[in-house]
Amino acid sequence: MGAQRDDPSATDRTVLEAIFAELREVHRKVDLLLESRPPEEAPGLADALREHFGPTAFTVRGLLTLCDEDPHCPLADEVAALIDWEATPHARAVALGMVLARMPELAVARRSRGMRMYRVRTSQD
């Protein structure tokens, strides 16, 4: 009985479980907030994404990398029109993620460890 209270691994496990539960709740609230915001009107970006990626899934990071590598391509022009390109890389990723999450032309293909992979919706969606 006393050994269980003194076991640091049991305490660590309890603390970690509480932290993960809180993170899951924050993630759920962010999803609800994003879903409640009005859709983002970005038809030019949707067309550029459809042209570049087709049915392939992509991430915010991958999209920003493409734009960094070719800053004058149509995709980069559309992204730059929607976010502050002079912001820090993290701020750009957050801003672009918020835009993509509100675009009705996009669907979340999958989620992994808080990261979303998007794809352009098709007529079958």
C-alpha atoms as a PDB file:
ATOM      1  CA  MET A   1       0.000   0.000   0.000  1.00  0.00           C
ATOM      2  CA  GLY A   2       2.706   2.489   1.004  1.00  0.00           C
ATOM      3  CA  ALA A   3       4.919   1.248  -1.821  1.00  0.00           C
ATOM      4  CA  GLN A   4       2.266   2.181  -4.368  1.00  0.00           C
ATOM      5  CA  ARG A   5       2.142   5.797  -3.160  1.00  0.00           C
ATOM      6  CA  ASP A   6       5.926   6.041  -3.261  1.00  0.00           C
ATOM      7  CA  ASP A   7       6.176   4.581  -6.766  1.00  0.00           C
ATOM      8  CA  PRO A   8       7.221   7.518  -8.987  1.00  0.00           C
ATOM      9  CA  SER A   9       6.313   5.651 -12.160  1.00  0.00           C
ATOM     10  CA  ALA A  10       2.665   5.383 -11.020  1.00  0.00           C
ATOM     11  CA  THR A  11       2.569   9.120 -10.316  1.00  0.00           C
ATOM     12  CA  ASP A  12       4.258   9.919 -13.634  1.00  0.00           C
ATOM     13  CA  ARG A  13       1.783   7.715 -15.482  1.00  0.00           C
ATOM     14  CA  THR A  14      -1.167   9.423 -13.773  1.00  0.00           C
ATOM     15  CA  VAL A  15       0.175  12.868 -14.612  1.00  0.00           C
ATOM     16  CA  LEU A  16       0.826  11.894 -18.243  1.00  0.00           C
ATOM     17  CA  GLU A  17      -2.666  10.430 -18.590  1.00  0.00           C
ATOM     18  CA  ALA A  18      -4.140  13.682 -17.253  1.00  0.00           C
ATOM     19  CA  ILE A  19      -2.027  15.753 -19.653  1.00  0.00           C
ATOM     20  CA  PHE A  20      -3.041  13.614 -22.640  1.00  0.00           C
ATOM     21  CA  ALA A  21      -6.707  13.800 -21.640  1.00  0.00           C
ATOM     22  CA  GLU A  22      -6.450  17.589 -21.473  1.00  0.00           C
ATOM     23  CA  LEU A  23      -4.716  17.739 -24.872  1.00  0.00           C
ATOM     24  CA  ARG A  24      -7.436  15.570 -26.427  1.00  0.00           C
ATOM     25  CA  GLU A  25     -10.067  17.933 -25.025  1.00  0.00           C
ATOM     26  CA  VAL A  26      -8.230  20.996 -26.397  1.00  0.00           C
ATOM     27  CA  HIS A  27      -7.945  19.289 -29.802  1.00  0.00           C
ATOM     28  CA  ARG A  28     -11.685  18.524 -29.741  1.00  0.00           C
ATOM     29  CA  LYS A  29     -12.507  22.158 -28.899  1.00  0.00           C
ATOM     30  CA  VAL A  30     -10.265  23.449 -31.703  1.00  0.00           C
ATOM     31  CA  ASP A  31     -12.016  21.124 -34.153  1.00  0.00           C
ATOM     32  CA  LEU A  32     -15.411  22.423 -32.993  1.00  0.00           C
ATOM     33  CA  LEU A  33     -14.225  26.019 -33.312  1.00  0.00           C
ATOM     34  CA  LEU A  34     -12.917  25.434 -36.828  1.00  0.00           C
ATOM     35  CA  GLU A  35     -16.135  23.720 -37.881  1.00  0.00           C
ATOM     36  CA  SER A  36     -18.226  26.612 -36.556  1.00  0.00           C
ATOM     37  CA  ARG A  37     -16.343  29.309 -38.473  1.00  0.00           C
ATOM     38  CA  PRO A  38     -17.634  30.384 -41.876  1.00  0.00           C
ATOM     39  CA  PRO A  39     -16.060  28.664 -44.868  1.00  0.00           C
ATOM     40  CA  GLU A  40     -13.000  30.254 -46.400  1.00  0.00           C
ATOM     41  CA  GLU A  41     -13.607  31.644 -49.852  1.00  0.00           C
ATOM     42  CA  ALA A  42     -10.489  30.781 -51.801  1.00  0.00           C
ATOM     43  CA  PRO A  43     -11.553  29.419 -55.187  1.00  0.00           C
ATOM     44  CA  GLY A  44      -8.179  30.251 -56.744  1.00  0.00           C
ATOM     45  CA  LEU A  45      -6.357  28.218 -54.108  1.00  0.00           C
ATOM     46  CA  ALA A  46      -8.790  25.314 -54.511  1.00  0.00           C
ATOM     47  CA  ASP A  47      -8.178  25.298 -58.268  1.00  0.00           C
ATOM     48  CA  ALA A  48      -4.396  25.505 -57.831  1.00  0.00           C
ATOM     49  CA  LEU A  49      -4.471  22.646 -55.288  1.00  0.00           C
ATOM     50  CA  ARG A  50      -6.616  20.539 -57.614  1.00  0.00           C
ATOM     51  CA  GLU A  51      -4.214  21.246 -60.489  1.00  0.00           C
ATOM     52  CA  HIS A  52      -1.072  20.457 -58.496  1.00  0.00           C
ATOM     53  CA  PHE A  53      -2.117  17.593 -56.216  1.00  0.00           C
ATOM     54  CA  GLY A  54      -5.104  16.011 -57.948  1.00  0.00           C
ATOM     55  CA  PRO A  55      -6.435  13.308 -55.597  1.00  0.00           C
ATOM     56  CA  THR A  56      -3.174  13.085 -53.612  1.00  0.00           C
ATOM     57  CA  ALA A  57      -3.208  14.026 -49.929  1.00  0.00           C
ATOM     58  CA  PHE A  58      -0.961  16.839 -48.717  1.00  0.00           C
ATOM     59  CA  THR A  59       0.007  18.586 -45.505  1.00  0.00           C
ATOM     60  CA  VAL A  60       0.366  22.253 -44.627  1.00  0.00           C
ATOM     61  CA  ARG A  61       4.098  21.730 -44.248  1.00  0.00           C
ATOM     62  CA  GLY A  62       4.360  20.098 -47.677  1.00  0.00           C
ATOM     63  CA  LEU A  63       2.362  22.886 -49.267  1.00  0.00           C
ATOM     64  CA  LEU A  64       4.513  25.582 -47.655  1.00  0.00           C
ATOM     65  CA  THR A  65       7.671  23.752 -48.752  1.00  0.00           C
ATOM     66  CA  LEU A  66       6.443  23.705 -52.348  1.00  0.00           C
ATOM     67  CA  CYS A  67       5.705  27.429 -52.153  1.00  0.00           C
ATOM     68  CA  ASP A  68       9.153  28.145 -50.696  1.00  0.00           C
ATOM     69  CA  GLU A  69      10.843  26.150 -53.446  1.00  0.00           C
ATOM     70  CA  ASP A  70       8.930  27.855 -56.260  1.00  0.00           C
ATOM     71  CA  PRO A  71       7.644  31.207 -54.952  1.00  0.00           C
ATOM     72  CA  HIS A  72       6.332  32.295 -58.367  1.00  0.00           C
ATOM     73  CA  CYS A  73       4.181  29.281 -59.174  1.00  0.00           C
ATOM     74  CA  PRO A  74       0.379  29.730 -59.189  1.00  0.00           C
ATOM     75  CA  LEU A  75       0.054  27.750 -55.965  1.00  0.00           C
ATOM     76  CA  ALA A  76       2.507  30.038 -54.139  1.00  0.00           C
ATOM     77  CA  ASP A  77       0.728  33.124 -55.479  1.00  0.00           C
ATOM     78  CA  GLU A  78      -2.611  31.891 -54.140  1.00  0.00           C
ATOM     79  CA  VAL A  79      -1.168  30.986 -50.733  1.00  0.00           C
ATOM     80  CA  ALA A  80       0.661  34.325 -50.442  1.00  0.00           C
ATOM     81  CA  ALA A  81      -2.609  36.147 -51.130  1.00  0.00           C
ATOM     82  CA  LEU A  82      -4.213  34.468 -48.101  1.00  0.00           C
ATOM     83  CA  ILE A  83      -1.519  34.506 -45.416  1.00  0.00           C
ATOM     84  CA  ASP A  84       1.279  36.794 -44.241  1.00  0.00           C
ATOM     85  CA  TRP A  85       4.276  35.400 -46.086  1.00  0.00           C
ATOM     86  CA  GLU A  86       6.636  37.505 -43.939  1.00  0.00           C
ATOM     87  CA  ALA A  87       5.477  35.815 -40.719  1.00  0.00           C
ATOM     88  CA  THR A  88       7.520  33.161 -38.955  1.00  0.00           C
ATOM     89  CA  PRO A  89       7.343  29.663 -40.446  1.00  0.00           C
ATOM     90  CA  HIS A  90       5.209  28.489 -37.525  1.00  0.00           C
ATOM     91  CA  ALA A  91       2.782  31.418 -37.857  1.00  0.00           C
ATOM     92  CA  ARG A  92       2.503  30.786 -41.613  1.00  0.00           C
ATOM     93  CA  ALA A  93       1.742  27.122 -40.990  1.00  0.00           C
ATOM     94  CA  VAL A  94      -0.921  27.946 -38.409  1.00  0.00           C
ATOM     95  CA  ALA A  95      -2.527  30.573 -40.651  1.00  0.00           C
ATOM     96  CA  LEU A  96      -2.544  28.294 -43.680  1.00  0.00           C
ATOM     97  CA  GLY A  97      -3.890  25.412 -41.595  1.00  0.00           C
ATOM     98  CA  MET A  98      -6.770  27.608 -40.467  1.00  0.00           C
ATOM     99  CA  VAL A  99      -7.548  28.547 -44.078  1.00  0.00           C
ATOM    100  CA  LEU A 100      -7.407  24.958 -45.316  1.00  0.00           C
ATOM    101  CA  ALA A 101      -9.581  23.706 -42.446  1.00  0.00           C
ATOM    102  CA  ARG A 102     -12.350  26.123 -43.477  1.00  0.00           C
ATOM    103  CA  MET A 103     -12.264  25.444 -47.213  1.00  0.00           C
ATOM    104  CA  PRO A 104     -15.326  23.468 -48.312  1.00  0.00           C
ATOM    105  CA  GLU A 105     -13.407  22.213 -51.362  1.00  0.00           C
ATOM    106  CA  LEU A 106     -11.028  20.270 -49.098  1.00  0.00           C
ATOM    107  CA  ALA A 107     -11.504  17.200 -46.940  1.00  0.00           C
ATOM    108  CA  VAL A 108      -9.326  15.819 -44.171  1.00  0.00           C
ATOM    109  CA  ALA A 109      -7.818  12.672 -45.669  1.00  0.00           C
ATOM    110  CA  ARG A 110      -6.384  11.522 -42.339  1.00  0.00           C
ATOM    111  CA  ARG A 111      -5.055  12.734 -39.009  1.00  0.00           C
ATOM    112  CA  SER A 112      -1.949  11.631 -37.212  1.00  0.00           C
ATOM    113  CA  ARG A 113      -0.553  13.066 -33.975  1.00  0.00           C
ATOM    114  CA  GLY A 114      -2.378  16.350 -34.389  1.00  0.00           C
ATOM    115  CA  MET A 115      -1.375  16.739 -38.027  1.00  0.00           C
ATOM    116  CA  ARG A 116      -3.965  16.781 -40.776  1.00  0.00           C
ATOM    117  CA  MET A 117      -3.523  15.586 -44.305  1.00  0.00           C
ATOM    118  CA  TYR A 118      -5.887  17.276 -46.732  1.00  0.00           C
ATOM    119  CA  ARG A 119      -7.159  16.309 -50.149  1.00  0.00           C
ATOM    120  CA  VAL A 120      -9.285  18.123 -52.703  1.00  0.00           C
ATOM    121  CA  ARG A 121     -12.881  16.896 -52.619  1.00  0.00           C
ATOM    122  CA  THR A 122     -14.162  15.061 -55.647  1.00  0.00           C
ATOM    123  CA  SER A 123     -17.676  14.729 -57.040  1.00  0.00           C
ATOM    124  CA  GLN A 124     -17.992  11.413 -55.149  1.00  0.00           C
ATOM    125  CA  ASP A 125     -17.647  13.165 -51.743  1.00  0.00           C
END
